[in-house]
Amino acid sequence: MAIFSVCSVARAEVYVYEMPDGSRMITDHPINAKHSRVVRVAPTVKGAGQLAAQKNSPVFREAPATYDRLIRRYADEYGVDFALVKAIMQAESSFNPYAVSDKGARGLMQMMPSTAGQYGVQDIYNPGENIRAAVQHLKYLFDTFDHRPVLVIAAYNAGENAVKKHRGIPPYEETENYVKKVLQYKRQYTPNYRIFSVAANPSGG
């Protein structure tokens, strides 16, 4: 169990820190402890302890760009689209590394422990391990479904056997909505490039 240090003050802001041993500390002022990191600034002290104790709460949701470096690293390593990985992360956990679903999926990419174990994950809540394993799994799904992103997204949600059984997106409302949501987020994270045409013989040349 994480140990919490709660400062009973009535200031306007409360800082929630993650310490090197994984514990959470709540304080009314910034600290300069080595290797600690602020994970959330709460507007008031009221309810901050409860939020920090519940790792699945919004208090641990990071900014969307927090894990871009890790996503880019493993997306490049395994040849998976960065925008797709980030879109799935948003749809799965809203960038909360401690998210847990009612089905038992965990972490940023909401991996089931059994699946994570297949990819050598030791700490499913560790962002680096969670993202790496998820990207490896996405690579596997791309190879399985002939590099068709829609089927890969559906399989990530419903399982590869369901996609194979229905020969496409399974007729589950949850999965159908999930695919739409991920594709929407993917468009959001895909860079927009402007294309300029250059004349072969510009006037005056």
N, C-alpha and C. Protein backbone atom coordinates (compact mmCIF):
# COMPACT_ATOMS: atom_id res chain seq x y z
N MET A 1 0.84 -1.19 0.00
CA MET A 1 0.00 0.00 0.00
C MET A 1 0.88 1.24 0.00
N ALA A 2 0.47 2.24 -0.76
CA ALA A 2 1.22 3.48 -0.78
C ALA A 2 0.98 4.23 0.52
N ILE A 3 1.99 4.96 0.98
CA ILE A 3 1.87 5.73 2.20
C ILE A 3 1.69 7.19 1.82
N PHE A 4 0.76 7.87 2.42
CA PHE A 4 0.45 9.24 2.07
C PHE A 4 0.76 10.17 3.21
N SER A 5 1.32 11.31 2.89
CA SER A 5 1.53 12.36 3.86
C SER A 5 0.59 13.48 3.51
N VAL A 6 -0.39 13.73 4.37
CA VAL A 6 -1.42 14.71 4.06
C VAL A 6 -1.25 15.93 4.94
N CYS A 7 -1.19 17.07 4.34
CA CYS A 7 -1.04 18.31 5.06
C CYS A 7 -2.41 18.94 5.23
N SER A 8 -2.89 19.08 6.46
CA SER A 8 -4.23 19.58 6.69
C SER A 8 -4.23 21.10 6.74
N VAL A 9 -4.25 21.69 5.56
CA VAL A 9 -4.27 23.14 5.44
C VAL A 9 -5.42 23.53 4.56
N ALA A 10 -5.67 24.82 4.50
CA ALA A 10 -6.81 25.29 3.72
C ALA A 10 -6.40 26.20 2.59
N ARG A 11 -5.22 26.01 2.04
CA ARG A 11 -4.78 26.84 0.93
C ARG A 11 -5.53 26.48 -0.34
N ALA A 12 -5.31 27.31 -1.35
CA ALA A 12 -6.09 27.16 -2.58
C ALA A 12 -5.64 25.97 -3.41
N GLU A 13 -4.36 25.58 -3.34
CA GLU A 13 -3.87 24.51 -4.19
C GLU A 13 -3.22 23.41 -3.36
N VAL A 14 -3.35 22.18 -3.84
CA VAL A 14 -2.75 21.03 -3.19
C VAL A 14 -1.96 20.27 -4.24
N TYR A 15 -0.70 19.94 -3.93
CA TYR A 15 0.17 19.25 -4.86
C TYR A 15 0.23 17.76 -4.51
N VAL A 16 0.05 16.92 -5.52
CA VAL A 16 0.16 15.47 -5.33
C VAL A 16 1.44 15.01 -6.00
N TYR A 17 2.35 14.44 -5.22
CA TYR A 17 3.64 14.00 -5.74
C TYR A 17 3.74 12.47 -5.73
N GLU A 18 4.48 11.96 -6.70
CA GLU A 18 4.85 10.55 -6.70
C GLU A 18 6.29 10.46 -6.24
N MET A 19 6.54 9.67 -5.22
CA MET A 19 7.87 9.54 -4.65
C MET A 19 8.62 8.36 -5.29
N PRO A 20 9.94 8.29 -5.10
CA PRO A 20 10.73 7.22 -5.73
C PRO A 20 10.26 5.81 -5.41
N ASP A 21 9.67 5.61 -4.21
CA ASP A 21 9.23 4.26 -3.84
C ASP A 21 7.80 3.97 -4.31
N GLY A 22 7.21 4.91 -5.07
CA GLY A 22 5.87 4.69 -5.59
C GLY A 22 4.76 5.22 -4.70
N SER A 23 5.11 5.72 -3.52
CA SER A 23 4.09 6.26 -2.63
C SER A 23 3.63 7.63 -3.12
N ARG A 24 2.52 8.09 -2.59
CA ARG A 24 1.97 9.40 -2.96
C ARG A 24 2.06 10.34 -1.77
N MET A 25 2.43 11.58 -2.02
CA MET A 25 2.49 12.58 -0.97
C MET A 25 1.67 13.79 -1.38
N ILE A 26 0.88 14.29 -0.47
CA ILE A 26 0.07 15.47 -0.71
C ILE A 26 0.60 16.60 0.15
N THR A 27 0.82 17.75 -0.43
CA THR A 27 1.36 18.88 0.30
C THR A 27 0.75 20.17 -0.22
N ASP A 28 0.83 21.22 0.59
CA ASP A 28 0.25 22.50 0.20
C ASP A 28 1.25 23.40 -0.51
N HIS A 29 2.47 22.89 -0.75
CA HIS A 29 3.48 23.72 -1.41
C HIS A 29 4.40 22.83 -2.26
N PRO A 30 5.02 23.40 -3.27
CA PRO A 30 5.95 22.62 -4.10
C PRO A 30 7.12 22.13 -3.26
N ILE A 31 7.63 20.96 -3.60
CA ILE A 31 8.79 20.42 -2.89
C ILE A 31 9.91 20.18 -3.88
N ASN A 32 11.11 19.98 -3.37
CA ASN A 32 12.27 19.79 -4.22
C ASN A 32 12.96 18.48 -3.89
N ALA A 33 12.14 17.44 -3.64
CA ALA A 33 12.69 16.12 -3.31
C ALA A 33 13.26 15.46 -4.56
N LYS A 34 14.44 14.91 -4.46
CA LYS A 34 15.09 14.30 -5.61
C LYS A 34 14.29 13.11 -6.14
N HIS A 35 14.11 13.07 -7.44
CA HIS A 35 13.43 11.98 -8.16
C HIS A 35 11.91 11.97 -7.97
N SER A 36 11.37 12.90 -7.21
CA SER A 36 9.90 12.96 -7.09
C SER A 36 9.36 13.70 -8.30
N ARG A 37 8.07 13.54 -8.56
CA ARG A 37 7.45 14.27 -9.66
C ARG A 37 6.02 14.61 -9.28
N VAL A 38 5.61 15.79 -9.68
CA VAL A 38 4.24 16.20 -9.42
C VAL A 38 3.33 15.54 -10.44
N VAL A 39 2.28 14.90 -9.99
CA VAL A 39 1.37 14.23 -10.90
C VAL A 39 0.04 14.96 -11.04
N ARG A 40 -0.23 15.86 -10.11
CA ARG A 40 -1.46 16.63 -10.23
C ARG A 40 -1.45 17.78 -9.23
N VAL A 41 -2.02 18.89 -9.64
CA VAL A 41 -2.26 20.00 -8.73
C VAL A 41 -3.77 20.10 -8.57
N ALA A 42 -4.26 19.82 -7.35
CA ALA A 42 -5.69 19.88 -7.08
C ALA A 42 -6.07 21.29 -6.65
N PRO A 43 -7.27 21.74 -6.97
CA PRO A 43 -7.65 23.12 -6.65
C PRO A 43 -7.82 23.38 -5.17
N THR A 44 -8.23 22.38 -4.40
CA THR A 44 -8.41 22.56 -2.95
C THR A 44 -7.99 21.30 -2.25
N VAL A 45 -7.82 21.40 -0.93
CA VAL A 45 -7.43 20.24 -0.14
C VAL A 45 -8.60 19.27 0.04
N LYS A 46 -9.81 19.75 -0.06
CA LYS A 46 -10.98 18.91 0.16
C LYS A 46 -11.03 17.75 -0.83
N GLY A 47 -11.00 16.55 -0.31
CA GLY A 47 -11.10 15.37 -1.15
C GLY A 47 -9.80 14.95 -1.81
N ALA A 48 -8.72 15.70 -1.62
CA ALA A 48 -7.46 15.38 -2.29
C ALA A 48 -6.91 14.04 -1.82
N GLY A 49 -7.02 13.76 -0.52
CA GLY A 49 -6.52 12.48 -0.01
C GLY A 49 -7.23 11.31 -0.62
N GLN A 50 -8.55 11.40 -0.74
CA GLN A 50 -9.32 10.32 -1.32
C GLN A 50 -8.97 10.14 -2.79
N LEU A 51 -8.78 11.24 -3.51
CA LEU A 51 -8.42 11.15 -4.92
C LEU A 51 -7.05 10.50 -5.09
N ALA A 52 -6.11 10.88 -4.24
CA ALA A 52 -4.77 10.33 -4.36
C ALA A 52 -4.74 8.85 -4.01
N ALA A 53 -5.55 8.45 -3.05
CA ALA A 53 -5.58 7.05 -2.63
C ALA A 53 -6.17 6.16 -3.71
N GLN A 54 -7.07 6.72 -4.51
CA GLN A 54 -7.69 5.96 -5.59
C GLN A 54 -6.91 6.21 -6.87
N LYS A 55 -5.97 5.33 -7.17
CA LYS A 55 -5.09 5.57 -8.31
C LYS A 55 -5.83 5.63 -9.64
N ASN A 56 -7.04 5.11 -9.67
CA ASN A 56 -7.81 5.13 -10.91
C ASN A 56 -8.58 6.43 -11.08
N SER A 57 -8.39 7.38 -10.18
CA SER A 57 -9.15 8.62 -10.22
C SER A 57 -8.53 9.61 -11.20
N PRO A 58 -9.28 10.64 -11.59
CA PRO A 58 -8.77 11.64 -12.53
C PRO A 58 -7.55 12.39 -12.02
N VAL A 59 -7.26 12.32 -10.72
CA VAL A 59 -6.12 13.05 -10.19
C VAL A 59 -4.81 12.59 -10.81
N PHE A 60 -4.77 11.37 -11.35
CA PHE A 60 -3.55 10.84 -11.94
C PHE A 60 -3.53 10.91 -13.46
N ARG A 61 -4.50 11.55 -14.05
CA ARG A 61 -4.49 11.70 -15.50
C ARG A 61 -3.47 12.76 -15.90
N GLU A 62 -2.61 12.39 -16.81
CA GLU A 62 -1.55 13.29 -17.25
C GLU A 62 -2.01 14.12 -18.45
N ALA A 63 -1.20 15.11 -18.80
CA ALA A 63 -1.45 15.89 -20.00
C ALA A 63 -1.25 15.00 -21.21
N PRO A 64 -1.98 15.25 -22.31
CA PRO A 64 -1.89 14.37 -23.49
C PRO A 64 -0.48 14.17 -24.04
N ALA A 65 0.41 15.16 -23.87
CA ALA A 65 1.75 15.04 -24.45
C ALA A 65 2.75 14.36 -23.51
N THR A 66 2.33 13.99 -22.31
CA THR A 66 3.25 13.46 -21.30
C THR A 66 4.04 12.26 -21.79
N TYR A 67 3.39 11.35 -22.52
CA TYR A 67 4.03 10.09 -22.90
C TYR A 67 4.44 10.04 -24.38
N ASP A 68 4.47 11.20 -25.02
CA ASP A 68 4.81 11.24 -26.44
C ASP A 68 6.18 10.63 -26.72
N ARG A 69 7.16 10.91 -25.86
CA ARG A 69 8.51 10.39 -26.11
C ARG A 69 8.52 8.86 -26.09
N LEU A 70 7.85 8.28 -25.10
CA LEU A 70 7.79 6.81 -25.01
C LEU A 70 7.00 6.23 -26.18
N ILE A 71 5.89 6.86 -26.51
CA ILE A 71 5.09 6.37 -27.64
C ILE A 71 5.92 6.40 -28.91
N ARG A 72 6.62 7.52 -29.15
CA ARG A 72 7.43 7.65 -30.36
C ARG A 72 8.53 6.60 -30.40
N ARG A 73 9.15 6.37 -29.26
CA ARG A 73 10.25 5.41 -29.20
C ARG A 73 9.81 4.02 -29.63
N TYR A 74 8.71 3.54 -29.05
CA TYR A 74 8.28 2.17 -29.35
C TYR A 74 7.51 2.08 -30.66
N ALA A 75 6.82 3.15 -31.03
CA ALA A 75 6.14 3.15 -32.32
C ALA A 75 7.17 3.05 -33.45
N ASP A 76 8.27 3.79 -33.32
CA ASP A 76 9.33 3.72 -34.34
C ASP A 76 10.02 2.36 -34.31
N GLU A 77 10.24 1.83 -33.11
CA GLU A 77 10.95 0.55 -32.99
C GLU A 77 10.18 -0.59 -33.63
N TYR A 78 8.85 -0.59 -33.47
CA TYR A 78 8.05 -1.71 -33.97
C TYR A 78 7.26 -1.38 -35.23
N GLY A 79 7.45 -0.18 -35.76
CA GLY A 79 6.80 0.17 -37.01
C GLY A 79 5.30 0.33 -36.91
N VAL A 80 4.84 0.93 -35.82
CA VAL A 80 3.41 1.18 -35.63
C VAL A 80 3.18 2.68 -35.62
N ASP A 81 2.07 3.12 -36.18
CA ASP A 81 1.77 4.54 -36.30
C ASP A 81 1.66 5.21 -34.92
N PHE A 82 2.45 6.25 -34.73
CA PHE A 82 2.43 7.01 -33.47
C PHE A 82 1.03 7.49 -33.13
N ALA A 83 0.34 8.08 -34.12
CA ALA A 83 -0.99 8.64 -33.88
C ALA A 83 -1.98 7.58 -33.43
N LEU A 84 -1.85 6.36 -33.97
CA LEU A 84 -2.76 5.28 -33.58
C LEU A 84 -2.51 4.86 -32.13
N VAL A 85 -1.25 4.73 -31.75
CA VAL A 85 -0.93 4.34 -30.38
C VAL A 85 -1.46 5.37 -29.39
N LYS A 86 -1.23 6.64 -29.69
CA LYS A 86 -1.69 7.69 -28.79
C LYS A 86 -3.21 7.75 -28.74
N ALA A 87 -3.86 7.52 -29.88
CA ALA A 87 -5.32 7.51 -29.92
C ALA A 87 -5.89 6.39 -29.06
N ILE A 88 -5.28 5.22 -29.14
CA ILE A 88 -5.74 4.09 -28.31
C ILE A 88 -5.51 4.40 -26.84
N MET A 89 -4.38 5.02 -26.52
CA MET A 89 -4.10 5.37 -25.14
C MET A 89 -5.17 6.32 -24.59
N GLN A 90 -5.55 7.31 -25.38
CA GLN A 90 -6.59 8.23 -24.91
C GLN A 90 -7.92 7.53 -24.73
N ALA A 91 -8.28 6.69 -25.69
CA ALA A 91 -9.55 5.97 -25.61
C ALA A 91 -9.57 5.00 -24.43
N GLU A 92 -8.43 4.41 -24.14
CA GLU A 92 -8.37 3.37 -23.11
C GLU A 92 -8.29 3.94 -21.69
N SER A 93 -7.42 4.93 -21.47
CA SER A 93 -7.15 5.36 -20.09
C SER A 93 -7.23 6.85 -19.86
N SER A 94 -7.41 7.64 -20.93
CA SER A 94 -7.34 9.10 -20.81
C SER A 94 -6.03 9.52 -20.16
N PHE A 95 -4.96 8.79 -20.48
CA PHE A 95 -3.59 9.09 -20.04
C PHE A 95 -3.41 8.92 -18.52
N ASN A 96 -4.16 8.00 -17.94
CA ASN A 96 -4.02 7.69 -16.52
C ASN A 96 -3.24 6.38 -16.40
N PRO A 97 -1.98 6.43 -15.91
CA PRO A 97 -1.17 5.21 -15.84
C PRO A 97 -1.66 4.18 -14.83
N TYR A 98 -2.60 4.57 -13.96
CA TYR A 98 -3.11 3.66 -12.95
C TYR A 98 -4.55 3.22 -13.22
N ALA A 99 -5.04 3.48 -14.41
CA ALA A 99 -6.42 3.11 -14.75
C ALA A 99 -6.60 1.60 -14.67
N VAL A 100 -7.76 1.20 -14.16
CA VAL A 100 -8.12 -0.22 -14.08
C VAL A 100 -9.57 -0.34 -14.53
N SER A 101 -9.83 -1.20 -15.51
CA SER A 101 -11.20 -1.38 -16.00
C SER A 101 -11.93 -2.42 -15.16
N ASP A 102 -13.24 -2.47 -15.33
CA ASP A 102 -14.02 -3.46 -14.58
C ASP A 102 -13.73 -4.88 -15.06
N LYS A 103 -13.05 -5.01 -16.20
CA LYS A 103 -12.67 -6.32 -16.71
C LYS A 103 -11.25 -6.72 -16.31
N GLY A 104 -10.55 -5.78 -15.64
CA GLY A 104 -9.22 -6.09 -15.16
C GLY A 104 -8.08 -5.58 -16.02
N ALA A 105 -8.39 -4.86 -17.12
CA ALA A 105 -7.34 -4.28 -17.95
C ALA A 105 -6.69 -3.13 -17.17
N ARG A 106 -5.38 -2.94 -17.36
CA ARG A 106 -4.67 -2.01 -16.50
C ARG A 106 -3.68 -1.14 -17.24
N GLY A 107 -3.45 0.03 -16.66
CA GLY A 107 -2.41 0.92 -17.15
C GLY A 107 -2.82 1.79 -18.31
N LEU A 108 -1.85 2.50 -18.84
CA LEU A 108 -2.11 3.48 -19.91
C LEU A 108 -2.81 2.89 -21.11
N MET A 109 -2.37 1.69 -21.52
CA MET A 109 -2.93 1.07 -22.71
C MET A 109 -3.95 -0.02 -22.37
N GLN A 110 -4.32 -0.07 -21.07
CA GLN A 110 -5.34 -1.01 -20.62
C GLN A 110 -5.08 -2.44 -21.10
N MET A 111 -3.93 -2.94 -20.70
CA MET A 111 -3.57 -4.30 -21.07
C MET A 111 -4.08 -5.28 -20.02
N MET A 112 -4.56 -6.41 -20.47
CA MET A 112 -4.90 -7.49 -19.55
C MET A 112 -3.60 -8.09 -19.03
N PRO A 113 -3.54 -8.44 -17.76
CA PRO A 113 -2.31 -9.01 -17.20
C PRO A 113 -1.78 -10.21 -17.98
N SER A 114 -2.69 -11.06 -18.45
CA SER A 114 -2.24 -12.24 -19.21
C SER A 114 -1.55 -11.85 -20.51
N THR A 115 -2.10 -10.86 -21.20
CA THR A 115 -1.49 -10.38 -22.44
C THR A 115 -0.17 -9.69 -22.17
N ALA A 116 -0.16 -8.85 -21.13
CA ALA A 116 1.08 -8.16 -20.77
C ALA A 116 2.17 -9.16 -20.44
N GLY A 117 1.81 -10.24 -19.76
CA GLY A 117 2.79 -11.25 -19.39
C GLY A 117 3.43 -11.91 -20.60
N GLN A 118 2.68 -12.01 -21.69
CA GLN A 118 3.23 -12.61 -22.91
C GLN A 118 4.38 -11.78 -23.47
N TYR A 119 4.39 -10.49 -23.12
CA TYR A 119 5.43 -9.59 -23.64
C TYR A 119 6.44 -9.22 -22.56
N GLY A 120 6.49 -10.02 -21.52
CA GLY A 120 7.52 -9.85 -20.50
C GLY A 120 7.35 -8.68 -19.56
N VAL A 121 6.13 -8.20 -19.38
CA VAL A 121 5.89 -7.07 -18.49
C VAL A 121 6.01 -7.52 -17.03
N GLN A 122 6.80 -6.80 -16.26
CA GLN A 122 6.95 -7.06 -14.84
C GLN A 122 6.06 -6.15 -14.01
N ASP A 123 5.95 -4.89 -14.42
CA ASP A 123 5.12 -3.91 -13.71
C ASP A 123 4.16 -3.29 -14.73
N ILE A 124 2.93 -3.73 -14.70
CA ILE A 124 1.96 -3.32 -15.71
C ILE A 124 1.61 -1.84 -15.61
N TYR A 125 1.87 -1.23 -14.45
CA TYR A 125 1.59 0.20 -14.27
C TYR A 125 2.77 1.08 -14.68
N ASN A 126 3.89 0.47 -14.98
CA ASN A 126 5.04 1.24 -15.44
C ASN A 126 4.78 1.71 -16.87
N PRO A 127 4.77 3.02 -17.11
CA PRO A 127 4.43 3.52 -18.45
C PRO A 127 5.26 2.92 -19.57
N GLY A 128 6.58 2.82 -19.34
CA GLY A 128 7.45 2.28 -20.38
C GLY A 128 7.12 0.84 -20.73
N GLU A 129 6.94 0.01 -19.72
CA GLU A 129 6.61 -1.40 -19.96
C GLU A 129 5.23 -1.55 -20.58
N ASN A 130 4.28 -0.79 -20.07
CA ASN A 130 2.91 -0.88 -20.56
C ASN A 130 2.83 -0.49 -22.03
N ILE A 131 3.46 0.62 -22.38
CA ILE A 131 3.43 1.09 -23.76
C ILE A 131 4.18 0.13 -24.67
N ARG A 132 5.36 -0.31 -24.24
CA ARG A 132 6.13 -1.23 -25.09
C ARG A 132 5.34 -2.48 -25.41
N ALA A 133 4.75 -3.09 -24.39
CA ALA A 133 4.00 -4.32 -24.60
C ALA A 133 2.80 -4.08 -25.50
N ALA A 134 2.11 -2.97 -25.30
CA ALA A 134 0.94 -2.67 -26.11
C ALA A 134 1.32 -2.46 -27.57
N VAL A 135 2.42 -1.77 -27.81
CA VAL A 135 2.86 -1.54 -29.19
C VAL A 135 3.29 -2.86 -29.83
N GLN A 136 3.95 -3.72 -29.07
CA GLN A 136 4.30 -5.04 -29.59
C GLN A 136 3.03 -5.82 -29.96
N HIS A 137 2.03 -5.71 -29.12
CA HIS A 137 0.77 -6.41 -29.39
C HIS A 137 0.10 -5.82 -30.63
N LEU A 138 0.14 -4.51 -30.77
CA LEU A 138 -0.43 -3.89 -31.97
C LEU A 138 0.31 -4.34 -33.22
N LYS A 139 1.62 -4.47 -33.12
CA LYS A 139 2.41 -4.98 -34.25
C LYS A 139 1.94 -6.39 -34.62
N TYR A 140 1.73 -7.20 -33.61
CA TYR A 140 1.22 -8.56 -33.84
C TYR A 140 -0.14 -8.52 -34.52
N LEU A 141 -1.02 -7.65 -34.07
CA LEU A 141 -2.35 -7.55 -34.67
C LEU A 141 -2.28 -7.05 -36.11
N PHE A 142 -1.39 -6.12 -36.39
CA PHE A 142 -1.22 -5.65 -37.76
C PHE A 142 -0.77 -6.79 -38.67
N ASP A 143 0.16 -7.60 -38.18
CA ASP A 143 0.62 -8.74 -38.98
C ASP A 143 -0.50 -9.76 -39.15
N THR A 144 -1.34 -9.91 -38.13
CA THR A 144 -2.43 -10.89 -38.18
C THR A 144 -3.54 -10.47 -39.12
N PHE A 145 -3.83 -9.18 -39.18
CA PHE A 145 -4.95 -8.68 -39.97
C PHE A 145 -4.51 -7.87 -41.19
N ASP A 146 -3.43 -8.30 -41.79
CA ASP A 146 -2.96 -7.74 -43.07
C ASP A 146 -2.85 -6.22 -43.05
N HIS A 147 -2.40 -5.69 -41.91
CA HIS A 147 -2.13 -4.26 -41.78
C HIS A 147 -3.36 -3.40 -42.07
N ARG A 148 -4.51 -3.88 -41.63
CA ARG A 148 -5.76 -3.12 -41.79
C ARG A 148 -6.10 -2.47 -40.45
N PRO A 149 -5.87 -1.15 -40.32
CA PRO A 149 -6.02 -0.47 -39.03
C PRO A 149 -7.37 -0.66 -38.37
N VAL A 150 -8.46 -0.65 -39.13
CA VAL A 150 -9.78 -0.77 -38.53
C VAL A 150 -9.93 -2.11 -37.82
N LEU A 151 -9.44 -3.17 -38.44
CA LEU A 151 -9.53 -4.49 -37.81
C LEU A 151 -8.60 -4.60 -36.61
N VAL A 152 -7.46 -3.94 -36.69
CA VAL A 152 -6.52 -3.94 -35.56
C VAL A 152 -7.15 -3.25 -34.36
N ILE A 153 -7.79 -2.12 -34.59
CA ILE A 153 -8.45 -1.38 -33.51
C ILE A 153 -9.56 -2.23 -32.90
N ALA A 154 -10.35 -2.85 -33.75
CA ALA A 154 -11.44 -3.70 -33.27
C ALA A 154 -10.89 -4.87 -32.46
N ALA A 155 -9.80 -5.46 -32.92
CA ALA A 155 -9.21 -6.61 -32.22
C ALA A 155 -8.61 -6.19 -30.89
N TYR A 156 -8.08 -4.99 -30.82
CA TYR A 156 -7.51 -4.51 -29.56
C TYR A 156 -8.61 -4.39 -28.51
N ASN A 157 -9.81 -4.07 -28.95
CA ASN A 157 -10.93 -3.91 -28.01
C ASN A 157 -11.64 -5.23 -27.72
N ALA A 158 -11.98 -5.96 -28.77
CA ALA A 158 -12.83 -7.14 -28.61
C ALA A 158 -12.06 -8.45 -28.62
N GLY A 159 -10.79 -8.41 -29.00
CA GLY A 159 -10.00 -9.63 -29.10
C GLY A 159 -9.92 -10.12 -30.54
N GLU A 160 -8.80 -10.70 -30.88
CA GLU A 160 -8.59 -11.12 -32.26
C GLU A 160 -9.54 -12.23 -32.68
N ASN A 161 -9.92 -13.10 -31.76
CA ASN A 161 -10.83 -14.19 -32.12
C ASN A 161 -12.20 -13.68 -32.53
N ALA A 162 -12.66 -12.62 -31.88
CA ALA A 162 -13.97 -12.05 -32.24
C ALA A 162 -13.93 -11.46 -33.64
N VAL A 163 -12.83 -10.82 -33.98
CA VAL A 163 -12.69 -10.24 -35.32
C VAL A 163 -12.62 -11.35 -36.37
N LYS A 164 -11.89 -12.40 -36.06
CA LYS A 164 -11.81 -13.53 -36.99
C LYS A 164 -13.16 -14.21 -37.17
N LYS A 165 -13.87 -14.38 -36.08
CA LYS A 165 -15.16 -15.05 -36.11
C LYS A 165 -16.16 -14.29 -36.98
N HIS A 166 -16.18 -12.96 -36.85
CA HIS A 166 -17.14 -12.15 -37.60
C HIS A 166 -16.58 -11.62 -38.91
N ARG A 167 -15.32 -11.96 -39.18
CA ARG A 167 -14.67 -11.54 -40.42
C ARG A 167 -14.76 -10.03 -40.63
N GLY A 168 -14.52 -9.33 -39.56
CA GLY A 168 -14.60 -7.88 -39.60
C GLY A 168 -14.88 -7.36 -38.20
N ILE A 169 -15.31 -6.11 -38.12
CA ILE A 169 -15.64 -5.53 -36.83
C ILE A 169 -16.80 -6.29 -36.20
N PRO A 170 -16.63 -6.83 -35.01
CA PRO A 170 -17.73 -7.57 -34.36
C PRO A 170 -18.94 -6.67 -34.15
N PRO A 171 -20.13 -7.21 -34.26
CA PRO A 171 -21.35 -6.40 -34.13
C PRO A 171 -21.68 -6.08 -32.67
N TYR A 172 -20.68 -5.57 -31.97
CA TYR A 172 -20.87 -5.18 -30.57
C TYR A 172 -20.91 -3.65 -30.53
N GLU A 173 -21.88 -3.10 -29.87
CA GLU A 173 -22.00 -1.64 -29.80
C GLU A 173 -20.74 -1.01 -29.20
N GLU A 174 -20.22 -1.64 -28.16
CA GLU A 174 -19.01 -1.10 -27.53
C GLU A 174 -17.85 -1.03 -28.51
N THR A 175 -17.64 -2.11 -29.26
CA THR A 175 -16.52 -2.16 -30.20
C THR A 175 -16.73 -1.21 -31.37
N GLU A 176 -17.94 -1.13 -31.87
CA GLU A 176 -18.22 -0.22 -32.97
C GLU A 176 -17.96 1.23 -32.56
N ASN A 177 -18.40 1.59 -31.36
CA ASN A 177 -18.16 2.94 -30.86
C ASN A 177 -16.68 3.18 -30.58
N TYR A 178 -16.01 2.13 -30.11
CA TYR A 178 -14.58 2.23 -29.81
C TYR A 178 -13.78 2.51 -31.08
N VAL A 179 -14.09 1.81 -32.13
CA VAL A 179 -13.38 2.01 -33.40
C VAL A 179 -13.57 3.45 -33.89
N LYS A 180 -14.79 3.94 -33.82
CA LYS A 180 -15.06 5.32 -34.25
C LYS A 180 -14.28 6.32 -33.40
N LYS A 181 -14.27 6.09 -32.11
CA LYS A 181 -13.58 7.00 -31.20
C LYS A 181 -12.09 7.03 -31.47
N VAL A 182 -11.48 5.85 -31.62
CA VAL A 182 -10.04 5.78 -31.85
C VAL A 182 -9.68 6.45 -33.18
N LEU A 183 -10.46 6.21 -34.20
CA LEU A 183 -10.18 6.84 -35.50
C LEU A 183 -10.29 8.35 -35.41
N GLN A 184 -11.22 8.83 -34.62
CA GLN A 184 -11.37 10.27 -34.42
C GLN A 184 -10.14 10.85 -33.73
N TYR A 185 -9.69 10.18 -32.67
CA TYR A 185 -8.49 10.63 -31.97
C TYR A 185 -7.26 10.52 -32.87
N LYS A 186 -7.21 9.48 -33.67
CA LYS A 186 -6.06 9.29 -34.56
C LYS A 186 -5.94 10.46 -35.54
N ARG A 187 -7.06 10.90 -36.07
CA ARG A 187 -7.02 12.06 -36.97
C ARG A 187 -6.51 13.29 -36.23
N GLN A 188 -6.87 13.40 -34.98
CA GLN A 188 -6.44 14.53 -34.17
C GLN A 188 -4.93 14.55 -33.98
N TYR A 189 -4.32 13.37 -33.85
CA TYR A 189 -2.89 13.30 -33.59
C TYR A 189 -2.05 13.09 -34.84
N THR A 190 -2.69 13.00 -35.99
CA THR A 190 -1.94 12.86 -37.24
C THR A 190 -1.57 14.23 -37.76
N PRO A 191 -0.29 14.49 -38.01
CA PRO A 191 0.13 15.81 -38.47
C PRO A 191 -0.53 16.17 -39.80
N ASN A 192 -0.84 17.43 -39.94
CA ASN A 192 -1.39 17.93 -41.19
C ASN A 192 -0.27 18.60 -41.99
N TYR A 193 -0.09 18.14 -43.20
CA TYR A 193 0.96 18.69 -44.05
C TYR A 193 0.34 19.46 -45.20
N ARG A 194 0.86 20.65 -45.45
CA ARG A 194 0.40 21.43 -46.60
C ARG A 194 1.29 21.11 -47.79
N ILE A 195 0.69 20.87 -48.91
CA ILE A 195 1.42 20.49 -50.11
C ILE A 195 1.50 21.68 -51.05
N PHE A 196 2.72 22.03 -51.42
CA PHE A 196 2.93 23.15 -52.32
C PHE A 196 3.44 22.62 -53.66
N SER A 197 2.90 23.15 -54.74
CA SER A 197 3.40 22.78 -56.06
C SER A 197 4.37 23.85 -56.54
N VAL A 198 5.48 23.41 -57.10
CA VAL A 198 6.50 24.32 -57.57
C VAL A 198 6.54 24.27 -59.08
N ALA A 199 6.40 25.42 -59.70
CA ALA A 199 6.42 25.48 -61.16
C ALA A 199 7.79 25.08 -61.70
N ALA A 200 7.78 24.35 -62.82
CA ALA A 200 9.04 23.90 -63.40
C ALA A 200 9.84 25.07 -63.94
N ASN A 201 9.14 26.06 -64.53
CA ASN A 201 9.81 27.23 -65.09
C ASN A 201 9.12 28.49 -64.59
N PRO A 202 9.42 28.89 -63.35
CA PRO A 202 8.75 30.06 -62.80
C PRO A 202 9.04 31.29 -63.62
N SER A 203 8.08 32.17 -63.68
CA SER A 203 8.25 33.38 -64.51
C SER A 203 9.43 34.19 -64.00
N GLY A 204 10.16 34.74 -64.92
CA GLY A 204 11.32 35.52 -64.56
C GLY A 204 12.55 34.68 -64.36
N GLY A 205 12.37 33.32 -64.44
CA GLY A 205 13.52 32.43 -64.24
C GLY A 205 14.17 32.14 -65.54
